[in-house]
Amino acid sequence: MRNFVYLAGFCLLALLVGADSALAEGAAAGTSNLSAIGAGLAIGVAALGGTLAQGRAVSAALDSIGRNPSVSGKVFTPMILGLALIESLVILSFVIAFFLSS
């Protein structure tokens, strides 16, 4: 629960920094670097969330394989698929942060 509170706080901070940059008078002229800071925080939070999710997914899969080794073939493929989907969300957030910073 504490990790979720930290993650929500970082997301709120990144949103506030990005909104401040978007509403700043000098943002159109490119004089503000706050959007780059917001994009950096956003990708950092996305990487943190993706890492936590992947760790929990692998932990659960290895725990189930440890309890019943005969299901390793049935657990491995969905685990790899889930890890790929989690990683694709992190990559998508990187792309969005890249577009926001430029």
C-alpha atoms as a PDB file:
ATOM      1  CA  MET A   1       0.000   0.000   0.000  1.00  0.00           C
ATOM      2  CA  ARG A   2       2.858   2.348   0.800  1.00  0.00           C
ATOM      3  CA  ASN A   3       4.326   1.807  -2.688  1.00  0.00           C
ATOM      4  CA  PHE A   4       0.993   2.766  -4.212  1.00  0.00           C
ATOM      5  CA  VAL A   5       0.940   5.999  -2.211  1.00  0.00           C
ATOM      6  CA  TYR A   6       4.472   6.837  -3.388  1.00  0.00           C
ATOM      7  CA  LEU A   7       3.531   6.012  -6.978  1.00  0.00           C
ATOM      8  CA  ALA A   8       0.399   8.162  -6.808  1.00  0.00           C
ATOM      9  CA  GLY A   9       2.402  11.027  -5.319  1.00  0.00           C
ATOM     10  CA  PHE A  10       5.014  10.861  -8.056  1.00  0.00           C
ATOM     11  CA  CYS A  11       2.295  10.741 -10.736  1.00  0.00           C
ATOM     12  CA  LEU A  12       0.616  13.785  -9.220  1.00  0.00           C
ATOM     13  CA  LEU A  13       3.931  15.618  -9.062  1.00  0.00           C
ATOM     14  CA  ALA A  14       4.688  14.797 -12.701  1.00  0.00           C
ATOM     15  CA  LEU A  15       1.215  15.954 -13.710  1.00  0.00           C
ATOM     16  CA  LEU A  16       1.571  19.226 -11.820  1.00  0.00           C
ATOM     17  CA  VAL A  17       4.987  19.940 -13.304  1.00  0.00           C
ATOM     18  CA  GLY A  18       3.714  19.188 -16.812  1.00  0.00           C
ATOM     19  CA  ALA A  19       0.610  21.351 -16.314  1.00  0.00           C
ATOM     20  CA  ASP A  20       2.710  24.223 -14.984  1.00  0.00           C
ATOM     21  CA  SER A  21       4.874  24.047 -18.065  1.00  0.00           C
ATOM     22  CA  ALA A  22       1.911  23.888 -20.416  1.00  0.00           C
ATOM     23  CA  LEU A  23       0.275  26.922 -18.846  1.00  0.00           C
ATOM     24  CA  ALA A  24       3.428  28.999 -18.510  1.00  0.00           C
ATOM     25  CA  GLU A  25       3.650  32.080 -20.684  1.00  0.00           C
ATOM     26  CA  GLY A  26       7.119  31.246 -21.951  1.00  0.00           C
ATOM     27  CA  ALA A  27       6.343  27.615 -22.779  1.00  0.00           C
ATOM     28  CA  ALA A  28       5.447  28.430 -26.381  1.00  0.00           C
ATOM     29  CA  ALA A  29       8.784  30.141 -26.892  1.00  0.00           C
ATOM     30  CA  GLY A  30      10.648  27.124 -25.482  1.00  0.00           C
ATOM     31  CA  THR A  31      12.044  28.996 -22.477  1.00  0.00           C
ATOM     32  CA  SER A  32      10.702  26.535 -19.909  1.00  0.00           C
ATOM     33  CA  ASN A  33      12.284  23.172 -19.179  1.00  0.00           C
ATOM     34  CA  LEU A  34       9.558  22.049 -16.805  1.00  0.00           C
ATOM     35  CA  SER A  35       7.944  19.833 -19.424  1.00  0.00           C
ATOM     36  CA  ALA A  36      11.210  17.931 -19.763  1.00  0.00           C
ATOM     37  CA  ILE A  37      11.307  17.486 -15.996  1.00  0.00           C
ATOM     38  CA  GLY A  38       7.690  16.312 -16.026  1.00  0.00           C
ATOM     39  CA  ALA A  39       8.402  13.861 -18.836  1.00  0.00           C
ATOM     40  CA  GLY A  40      11.430  12.552 -16.972  1.00  0.00           C
ATOM     41  CA  LEU A  41       9.401  12.045 -13.814  1.00  0.00           C
ATOM     42  CA  ALA A  42       6.647  10.364 -15.799  1.00  0.00           C
ATOM     43  CA  ILE A  43       8.993   7.841 -17.376  1.00  0.00           C
ATOM     44  CA  GLY A  44      10.643   7.258 -14.009  1.00  0.00           C
ATOM     45  CA  VAL A  45       7.311   6.493 -12.394  1.00  0.00           C
ATOM     46  CA  ALA A  46       6.348   4.239 -15.305  1.00  0.00           C
ATOM     47  CA  ALA A  47       9.623   2.342 -14.989  1.00  0.00           C
ATOM     48  CA  LEU A  48       9.099   1.990 -11.235  1.00  0.00           C
ATOM     49  CA  GLY A  49       5.554   0.710 -11.697  1.00  0.00           C
ATOM     50  CA  GLY A  50       6.590  -1.679 -14.468  1.00  0.00           C
ATOM     51  CA  THR A  51       9.428  -3.037 -12.363  1.00  0.00           C
ATOM     52  CA  LEU A  52       7.158  -3.644  -9.386  1.00  0.00           C
ATOM     53  CA  ALA A  53       4.552  -5.328 -11.585  1.00  0.00           C
ATOM     54  CA  GLN A  54       7.091  -7.566 -13.299  1.00  0.00           C
ATOM     55  CA  GLY A  55       8.612  -8.545  -9.973  1.00  0.00           C
ATOM     56  CA  ARG A  56       5.255  -9.535  -8.562  1.00  0.00           C
ATOM     57  CA  ALA A  57       4.286 -11.445 -11.714  1.00  0.00           C
ATOM     58  CA  VAL A  58       7.499 -13.465 -11.767  1.00  0.00           C
ATOM     59  CA  SER A  59       7.281 -14.044  -8.009  1.00  0.00           C
ATOM     60  CA  ALA A  60       3.754 -15.417  -8.301  1.00  0.00           C
ATOM     61  CA  ALA A  61       4.676 -17.610 -11.264  1.00  0.00           C
ATOM     62  CA  LEU A  62       7.748 -19.055  -9.562  1.00  0.00           C
ATOM     63  CA  ASP A  63       5.776 -19.599  -6.371  1.00  0.00           C
ATOM     64  CA  SER A  64       3.145 -21.587  -8.256  1.00  0.00           C
ATOM     65  CA  ILE A  65       5.825 -23.608 -10.056  1.00  0.00           C
ATOM     66  CA  GLY A  66       7.539 -24.259  -6.723  1.00  0.00           C
ATOM     67  CA  ARG A  67       4.310 -25.581  -5.230  1.00  0.00           C
ATOM     68  CA  ASN A  68       3.448 -27.724  -8.249  1.00  0.00           C
ATOM     69  CA  PRO A  69       6.376 -28.331 -10.631  1.00  0.00           C
ATOM     70  CA  SER A  70       4.231 -30.198 -13.151  1.00  0.00           C
ATOM     71  CA  VAL A  71       2.478 -26.977 -14.219  1.00  0.00           C
ATOM     72  CA  SER A  72       5.666 -25.178 -15.254  1.00  0.00           C
ATOM     73  CA  GLY A  73       4.805 -25.490 -18.954  1.00  0.00           C
ATOM     74  CA  LYS A  74       1.311 -24.089 -18.405  1.00  0.00           C
ATOM     75  CA  VAL A  75       2.507 -21.162 -16.285  1.00  0.00           C
ATOM     76  CA  PHE A  76       5.553 -20.134 -18.292  1.00  0.00           C
ATOM     77  CA  THR A  77       3.783 -18.945 -21.476  1.00  0.00           C
ATOM     78  CA  PRO A  78       1.175 -16.718 -19.755  1.00  0.00           C
ATOM     79  CA  MET A  79       3.933 -15.300 -17.535  1.00  0.00           C
ATOM     80  CA  ILE A  80       6.045 -14.322 -20.557  1.00  0.00           C
ATOM     81  CA  LEU A  81       2.969 -12.837 -22.258  1.00  0.00           C
ATOM     82  CA  GLY A  82       2.124 -10.823 -19.141  1.00  0.00           C
ATOM     83  CA  LEU A  83       5.711  -9.568 -18.844  1.00  0.00           C
ATOM     84  CA  ALA A  84       5.651  -8.476 -22.478  1.00  0.00           C
ATOM     85  CA  LEU A  85       2.405  -6.553 -21.946  1.00  0.00           C
ATOM     86  CA  ILE A  86       3.771  -4.863 -18.822  1.00  0.00           C
ATOM     87  CA  GLU A  87       6.934  -3.872 -20.678  1.00  0.00           C
ATOM     88  CA  SER A  88       4.897  -2.544 -23.602  1.00  0.00           C
ATOM     89  CA  LEU A  89       3.108  -0.155 -21.230  1.00  0.00           C
ATOM     90  CA  VAL A  90       6.459   1.154 -19.991  1.00  0.00           C
ATOM     91  CA  ILE A  91       7.639   1.649 -23.574  1.00  0.00           C
ATOM     92  CA  LEU A  92       4.356   3.400 -24.427  1.00  0.00           C
ATOM     93  CA  SER A  93       4.822   5.766 -21.503  1.00  0.00           C
ATOM     94  CA  PHE A  94       8.352   6.476 -22.737  1.00  0.00           C
ATOM     95  CA  VAL A  95       6.992   7.389 -26.173  1.00  0.00           C
ATOM     96  CA  ILE A  96       4.342   9.656 -24.648  1.00  0.00           C
ATOM     97  CA  ALA A  97       6.929  11.334 -22.401  1.00  0.00           C
ATOM     98  CA  PHE A  98       9.173  11.841 -25.423  1.00  0.00           C
ATOM     99  CA  PHE A  99       6.399  13.592 -27.315  1.00  0.00           C
ATOM    100  CA  LEU A 100       5.505  15.713 -24.302  1.00  0.00           C
ATOM    101  CA  SER A 101       9.077  16.891 -23.832  1.00  0.00           C
ATOM    102  CA  SER A 102       9.566  18.002 -27.428  1.00  0.00           C
END
